[in-house]
Amino acid sequence: MRIGNGYDVHRLAPGQKLVLGGLEIPFECGLIGWSDADVLTHAIMDSLLGAAALGDIGLYFPPGDPKFKGISSLKLLEQVTALLAEKGFGIINVDSVIVAEEPKLRGHVDTMRKHLAKAMGIDPGRVGIKASTSEQLGFVGREEGMAAWAVALVDEK
C-alpha cells in the first residue's frame, strides 16, 4: 500500500461558479481557475498521483492548455483514475478536508462523496470529506479563497 497527500487553493470572486466535489453549490462567489477550479477534486487528484509517485495535476493538465479551459474536474479525476489503473494501482480510499468560512457545506457532503466515488470507480463509503473553517484567520478567514487537503491510500495490483 502507498499513501499520498494533496493540497490545493483557489481564490474566491463574485460571479464565478462554486464547484466542490463536482457539485455546483449556490453561493454569491465562486472559485477562479483554468478548469472549474474545484479545489477539493484537485487536492484529491494530487493525493492519488502522489501515492503512485506520478507527479502532480499540473503535469497532466497544465493551466493555459485550451483543452482544459472550464473542464469539469470530475472528468480530470476520471483520467487520473485511469492513469493509476494503467500503472497498476487501485484506489483503497481517500479522505479530505475543505477549509472555507462560507458557505456551510455539511448538507452537500453526501452528494460530493457520491460524485467523487463515481469518478474514481469506488464505493462512496471509501470517500471521506470534512468541512472546516479557519476561524477567520488568513486568506480563508478573510474569505479571499478556499483550500483543501486530501490523503489517498492506493495499492499496487
C-alpha atoms as a PDB file:
ATOM      1  CA  MET A   1       0.000   0.000   0.000  1.00  0.00           C
ATOM      2  CA  ARG A   2       1.086   3.566  -0.684  1.00  0.00           C
ATOM      3  CA  ILE A   3      -0.142   6.882   0.678  1.00  0.00           C
ATOM      4  CA  GLY A   4      -0.187  10.327  -0.941  1.00  0.00           C
ATOM      5  CA  ASN A   5      -1.043  13.860   0.141  1.00  0.00           C
ATOM      6  CA  GLY A   6      -2.668  16.616  -1.888  1.00  0.00           C
ATOM      7  CA  TYR A   7      -3.307  20.313  -1.350  1.00  0.00           C
ATOM      8  CA  ASP A   8      -4.959  22.975  -3.456  1.00  0.00           C
ATOM      9  CA  VAL A   9      -6.128  26.547  -3.070  1.00  0.00           C
ATOM     10  CA  HIS A  10      -8.158  28.863  -5.272  1.00  0.00           C
ATOM     11  CA  ARG A  11      -9.214  32.483  -4.990  1.00  0.00           C
ATOM     12  CA  LEU A  12     -12.879  33.431  -4.497  1.00  0.00           C
ATOM     13  CA  ALA A  13     -14.567  36.007  -6.734  1.00  0.00           C
ATOM     14  CA  PRO A  14     -18.110  37.231  -7.328  1.00  0.00           C
ATOM     15  CA  GLY A  15     -19.805  35.995 -10.478  1.00  0.00           C
ATOM     16  CA  GLN A  16     -17.960  32.666 -10.571  1.00  0.00           C
ATOM     17  CA  LYS A  17     -19.488  29.211 -10.092  1.00  0.00           C
ATOM     18  CA  LEU A  18     -18.647  27.422  -6.864  1.00  0.00           C
ATOM     19  CA  VAL A  19     -17.921  23.781  -7.674  1.00  0.00           C
ATOM     20  CA  LEU A  20     -16.743  21.424  -4.935  1.00  0.00           C
ATOM     21  CA  GLY A  21     -16.524  17.676  -5.339  1.00  0.00           C
ATOM     22  CA  GLY A  22     -18.177  18.005  -8.734  1.00  0.00           C
ATOM     23  CA  LEU A  23     -21.241  19.701  -7.242  1.00  0.00           C
ATOM     24  CA  GLU A  24     -22.251  23.250  -8.105  1.00  0.00           C
ATOM     25  CA  ILE A  25     -23.139  24.914  -4.817  1.00  0.00           C
ATOM     26  CA  PRO A  26     -25.309  28.034  -4.753  1.00  0.00           C
ATOM     27  CA  PHE A  27     -23.235  30.918  -3.388  1.00  0.00           C
ATOM     28  CA  GLU A  28     -22.582  34.541  -4.316  1.00  0.00           C
ATOM     29  CA  CYS A  29     -18.916  33.812  -5.039  1.00  0.00           C
ATOM     30  CA  GLY A  30     -17.064  31.025  -6.767  1.00  0.00           C
ATOM     31  CA  LEU A  31     -13.502  29.896  -7.264  1.00  0.00           C
ATOM     32  CA  ILE A  32     -11.235  31.184 -10.032  1.00  0.00           C
ATOM     33  CA  GLY A  33      -9.198  28.704 -12.059  1.00  0.00           C
ATOM     34  CA  TRP A  34      -8.440  27.372 -15.520  1.00  0.00           C
ATOM     35  CA  SER A  35     -10.748  24.376 -15.165  1.00  0.00           C
ATOM     36  CA  ASP A  36     -13.822  24.589 -12.939  1.00  0.00           C
ATOM     37  CA  ALA A  37     -11.475  25.427 -10.006  1.00  0.00           C
ATOM     38  CA  ASP A  38     -12.827  22.541  -7.909  1.00  0.00           C
ATOM     39  CA  VAL A  39     -10.320  22.843  -5.080  1.00  0.00           C
ATOM     40  CA  LEU A  40     -11.491  19.608  -3.405  1.00  0.00           C
ATOM     41  CA  THR A  41     -11.200  17.441  -6.507  1.00  0.00           C
ATOM     42  CA  HIS A  42      -7.804  18.959  -7.326  1.00  0.00           C
ATOM     43  CA  ALA A  43      -6.443  18.068  -3.884  1.00  0.00           C
ATOM     44  CA  ILE A  44      -7.766  14.520  -4.247  1.00  0.00           C
ATOM     45  CA  MET A  45      -6.167  14.139  -7.692  1.00  0.00           C
ATOM     46  CA  ASP A  46      -2.811  15.303  -6.344  1.00  0.00           C
ATOM     47  CA  SER A  47      -3.052  12.882  -3.418  1.00  0.00           C
ATOM     48  CA  LEU A  48      -3.717   9.974  -5.813  1.00  0.00           C
ATOM     49  CA  LEU A  49      -0.890  10.955  -8.140  1.00  0.00           C
ATOM     50  CA  GLY A  50       1.430  11.397  -5.169  1.00  0.00           C
ATOM     51  CA  ALA A  51       0.592   7.964  -3.783  1.00  0.00           C
ATOM     52  CA  ALA A  52       1.593   6.436  -7.127  1.00  0.00           C
ATOM     53  CA  ALA A  53       4.657   8.719  -7.472  1.00  0.00           C
ATOM     54  CA  LEU A  54       3.271  10.052 -10.766  1.00  0.00           C
ATOM     55  CA  GLY A  55       3.792  13.784 -10.279  1.00  0.00           C
ATOM     56  CA  ASP A  56       1.029  16.347  -9.881  1.00  0.00           C
ATOM     57  CA  ILE A  57      -2.009  17.566 -11.776  1.00  0.00           C
ATOM     58  CA  GLY A  58      -0.107  20.427 -13.416  1.00  0.00           C
ATOM     59  CA  LEU A  59       1.991  17.845 -15.246  1.00  0.00           C
ATOM     60  CA  TYR A  60      -1.069  16.240 -16.845  1.00  0.00           C
ATOM     61  CA  PHE A  61      -3.475  19.192 -17.030  1.00  0.00           C
ATOM     62  CA  PRO A  62      -1.369  22.353 -17.386  1.00  0.00           C
ATOM     63  CA  PRO A  63      -3.086  25.682 -16.782  1.00  0.00           C
ATOM     64  CA  GLY A  64      -3.338  27.581 -20.035  1.00  0.00           C
ATOM     65  CA  ASP A  65      -3.926  24.467 -22.155  1.00  0.00           C
ATOM     66  CA  PRO A  66      -7.110  25.284 -24.121  1.00  0.00           C
ATOM     67  CA  LYS A  67      -8.442  21.711 -23.931  1.00  0.00           C
ATOM     68  CA  PHE A  68      -8.802  22.044 -20.145  1.00  0.00           C
ATOM     69  CA  LYS A  69     -10.424  25.512 -20.085  1.00  0.00           C
ATOM     70  CA  GLY A  70     -13.599  25.247 -17.992  1.00  0.00           C
ATOM     71  CA  ILE A  71     -13.465  21.422 -17.894  1.00  0.00           C
ATOM     72  CA  SER A  72     -15.156  19.547 -15.075  1.00  0.00           C
ATOM     73  CA  SER A  73     -12.555  18.405 -12.585  1.00  0.00           C
ATOM     74  CA  LEU A  74     -14.511  15.148 -12.256  1.00  0.00           C
ATOM     75  CA  LYS A  75     -13.528  14.386 -15.871  1.00  0.00           C
ATOM     76  CA  LEU A  76      -9.907  15.030 -14.908  1.00  0.00           C
ATOM     77  CA  LEU A  77     -10.308  12.769 -11.863  1.00  0.00           C
ATOM     78  CA  GLU A  78     -11.581  10.014 -14.166  1.00  0.00           C
ATOM     79  CA  GLN A  79      -8.410  10.434 -16.232  1.00  0.00           C
ATOM     80  CA  VAL A  80      -6.218  10.286 -13.124  1.00  0.00           C
ATOM     81  CA  THR A  81      -8.044   7.124 -12.013  1.00  0.00           C
ATOM     82  CA  ALA A  82      -7.465   5.555 -15.442  1.00  0.00           C
ATOM     83  CA  LEU A  83      -3.776   6.503 -15.314  1.00  0.00           C
ATOM     84  CA  LEU A  84      -3.404   4.867 -11.902  1.00  0.00           C
ATOM     85  CA  ALA A  85      -5.086   1.699 -13.186  1.00  0.00           C
ATOM     86  CA  GLU A  86      -2.815   1.691 -16.250  1.00  0.00           C
ATOM     87  CA  LYS A  87       0.202   1.890 -13.928  1.00  0.00           C
ATOM     88  CA  GLY A  88      -1.139  -0.963 -11.789  1.00  0.00           C
ATOM     89  CA  PHE A  89      -2.666   0.931  -8.860  1.00  0.00           C
ATOM     90  CA  GLY A  90      -6.101   0.615  -7.266  1.00  0.00           C
ATOM     91  CA  ILE A  91      -7.692   3.207  -5.004  1.00  0.00           C
ATOM     92  CA  ILE A  92      -8.418   1.980  -1.490  1.00  0.00           C
ATOM     93  CA  ASN A  93      -9.769   5.228  -0.071  1.00  0.00           C
ATOM     94  CA  VAL A  94      -9.410   9.000   0.047  1.00  0.00           C
ATOM     95  CA  ASP A  95     -10.001  11.414   2.891  1.00  0.00           C
ATOM     96  CA  SER A  96     -10.188  15.184   2.597  1.00  0.00           C
ATOM     97  CA  VAL A  97     -10.984  18.458   4.271  1.00  0.00           C
ATOM     98  CA  ILE A  98     -12.271  21.674   2.681  1.00  0.00           C
ATOM     99  CA  VAL A  99     -11.428  24.877   4.534  1.00  0.00           C
ATOM    100  CA  ALA A 100     -13.872  27.732   3.915  1.00  0.00           C
ATOM    101  CA  GLU A 101     -15.654  30.271   6.084  1.00  0.00           C
ATOM    102  CA  GLU A 102     -18.775  30.241   3.878  1.00  0.00           C
ATOM    103  CA  PRO A 103     -20.933  28.660   2.623  1.00  0.00           C
ATOM    104  CA  LYS A 104     -21.777  25.930   5.086  1.00  0.00           C
ATOM    105  CA  LEU A 105     -21.096  22.633   3.333  1.00  0.00           C
ATOM    106  CA  ARG A 106     -22.418  19.918   5.635  1.00  0.00           C
ATOM    107  CA  GLY A 107     -25.648  19.491   3.641  1.00  0.00           C
ATOM    108  CA  HIS A 108     -23.668  18.927   0.422  1.00  0.00           C
ATOM    109  CA  VAL A 109     -21.102  16.385   1.624  1.00  0.00           C
ATOM    110  CA  ASP A 110     -23.035  13.207   0.758  1.00  0.00           C
ATOM    111  CA  THR A 111     -23.646  14.350  -2.816  1.00  0.00           C
ATOM    112  CA  MET A 112     -19.992  15.343  -3.233  1.00  0.00           C
ATOM    113  CA  ARG A 113     -18.922  11.923  -1.921  1.00  0.00           C
ATOM    114  CA  LYS A 114     -21.144  10.205  -4.497  1.00  0.00           C
ATOM    115  CA  HIS A 115     -19.799  12.311  -7.383  1.00  0.00           C
ATOM    116  CA  LEU A 116     -16.182  11.715  -6.402  1.00  0.00           C
ATOM    117  CA  ALA A 117     -16.696   7.997  -5.758  1.00  0.00           C
ATOM    118  CA  LYS A 118     -18.301   7.532  -9.170  1.00  0.00           C
ATOM    119  CA  ALA A 119     -15.402   9.309 -10.899  1.00  0.00           C
ATOM    120  CA  MET A 120     -12.913   7.060  -9.074  1.00  0.00           C
ATOM    121  CA  GLY A 121     -14.937   3.873  -9.503  1.00  0.00           C
ATOM    122  CA  ILE A 122     -15.108   3.203  -5.776  1.00  0.00           C
ATOM    123  CA  ASP A 123     -17.858   2.990  -3.156  1.00  0.00           C
ATOM    124  CA  PRO A 124     -18.881   6.329  -1.565  1.00  0.00           C
ATOM    125  CA  GLY A 125     -18.039   4.734   1.798  1.00  0.00           C
ATOM    126  CA  ARG A 126     -14.385   4.998   0.768  1.00  0.00           C
ATOM    127  CA  VAL A 127     -14.535   8.785   0.311  1.00  0.00           C
ATOM    128  CA  GLY A 128     -14.195  10.999   3.366  1.00  0.00           C
ATOM    129  CA  ILE A 129     -14.998  14.710   3.209  1.00  0.00           C
ATOM    130  CA  LYS A 130     -14.909  17.103   6.111  1.00  0.00           C
ATOM    131  CA  ALA A 131     -15.541  20.846   6.117  1.00  0.00           C
ATOM    132  CA  SER A 132     -13.843  23.266   8.455  1.00  0.00           C
ATOM    133  CA  THR A 133     -13.254  26.975   8.850  1.00  0.00           C
ATOM    134  CA  SER A 134     -10.009  28.757   9.618  1.00  0.00           C
ATOM    135  CA  GLU A 135     -11.613  30.673  12.495  1.00  0.00           C
ATOM    136  CA  GLN A 136     -11.379  33.911  10.469  1.00  0.00           C
ATOM    137  CA  LEU A 137      -7.576  33.629  10.188  1.00  0.00           C
ATOM    138  CA  GLY A 138      -5.560  34.048   6.997  1.00  0.00           C
ATOM    139  CA  PHE A 139      -6.800  34.274   3.410  1.00  0.00           C
ATOM    140  CA  VAL A 140      -9.552  31.715   4.056  1.00  0.00           C
ATOM    141  CA  GLY A 141     -10.690  33.589   7.153  1.00  0.00           C
ATOM    142  CA  ARG A 142     -10.853  36.827   5.173  1.00  0.00           C
ATOM    143  CA  GLU A 143     -12.951  34.910   2.593  1.00  0.00           C
ATOM    144  CA  GLU A 144     -10.422  35.550  -0.170  1.00  0.00           C
ATOM    145  CA  GLY A 145     -10.237  31.880  -1.113  1.00  0.00           C
ATOM    146  CA  MET A 146     -10.721  28.249  -0.167  1.00  0.00           C
ATOM    147  CA  ALA A 147      -8.259  25.449   0.465  1.00  0.00           C
ATOM    148  CA  ALA A 148      -8.475  21.675   0.511  1.00  0.00           C
ATOM    149  CA  TRP A 149      -6.224  18.885   1.742  1.00  0.00           C
ATOM    150  CA  ALA A 150      -6.535  15.233   0.818  1.00  0.00           C
ATOM    151  CA  VAL A 151      -4.854  11.950   1.527  1.00  0.00           C
ATOM    152  CA  ALA A 152      -5.194   8.831  -0.605  1.00  0.00           C
ATOM    153  CA  LEU A 153      -4.342   5.213   0.019  1.00  0.00           C
ATOM    154  CA  VAL A 154      -3.669   3.068  -3.044  1.00  0.00           C
ATOM    155  CA  ASP A 155      -2.435  -0.469  -3.539  1.00  0.00           C
ATOM    156  CA  GLU A 156      -0.255  -1.993  -6.223  1.00  0.00           C
ATOM    157  CA  LYS A 157      -2.056  -4.686  -8.156  1.00  0.00           C
END
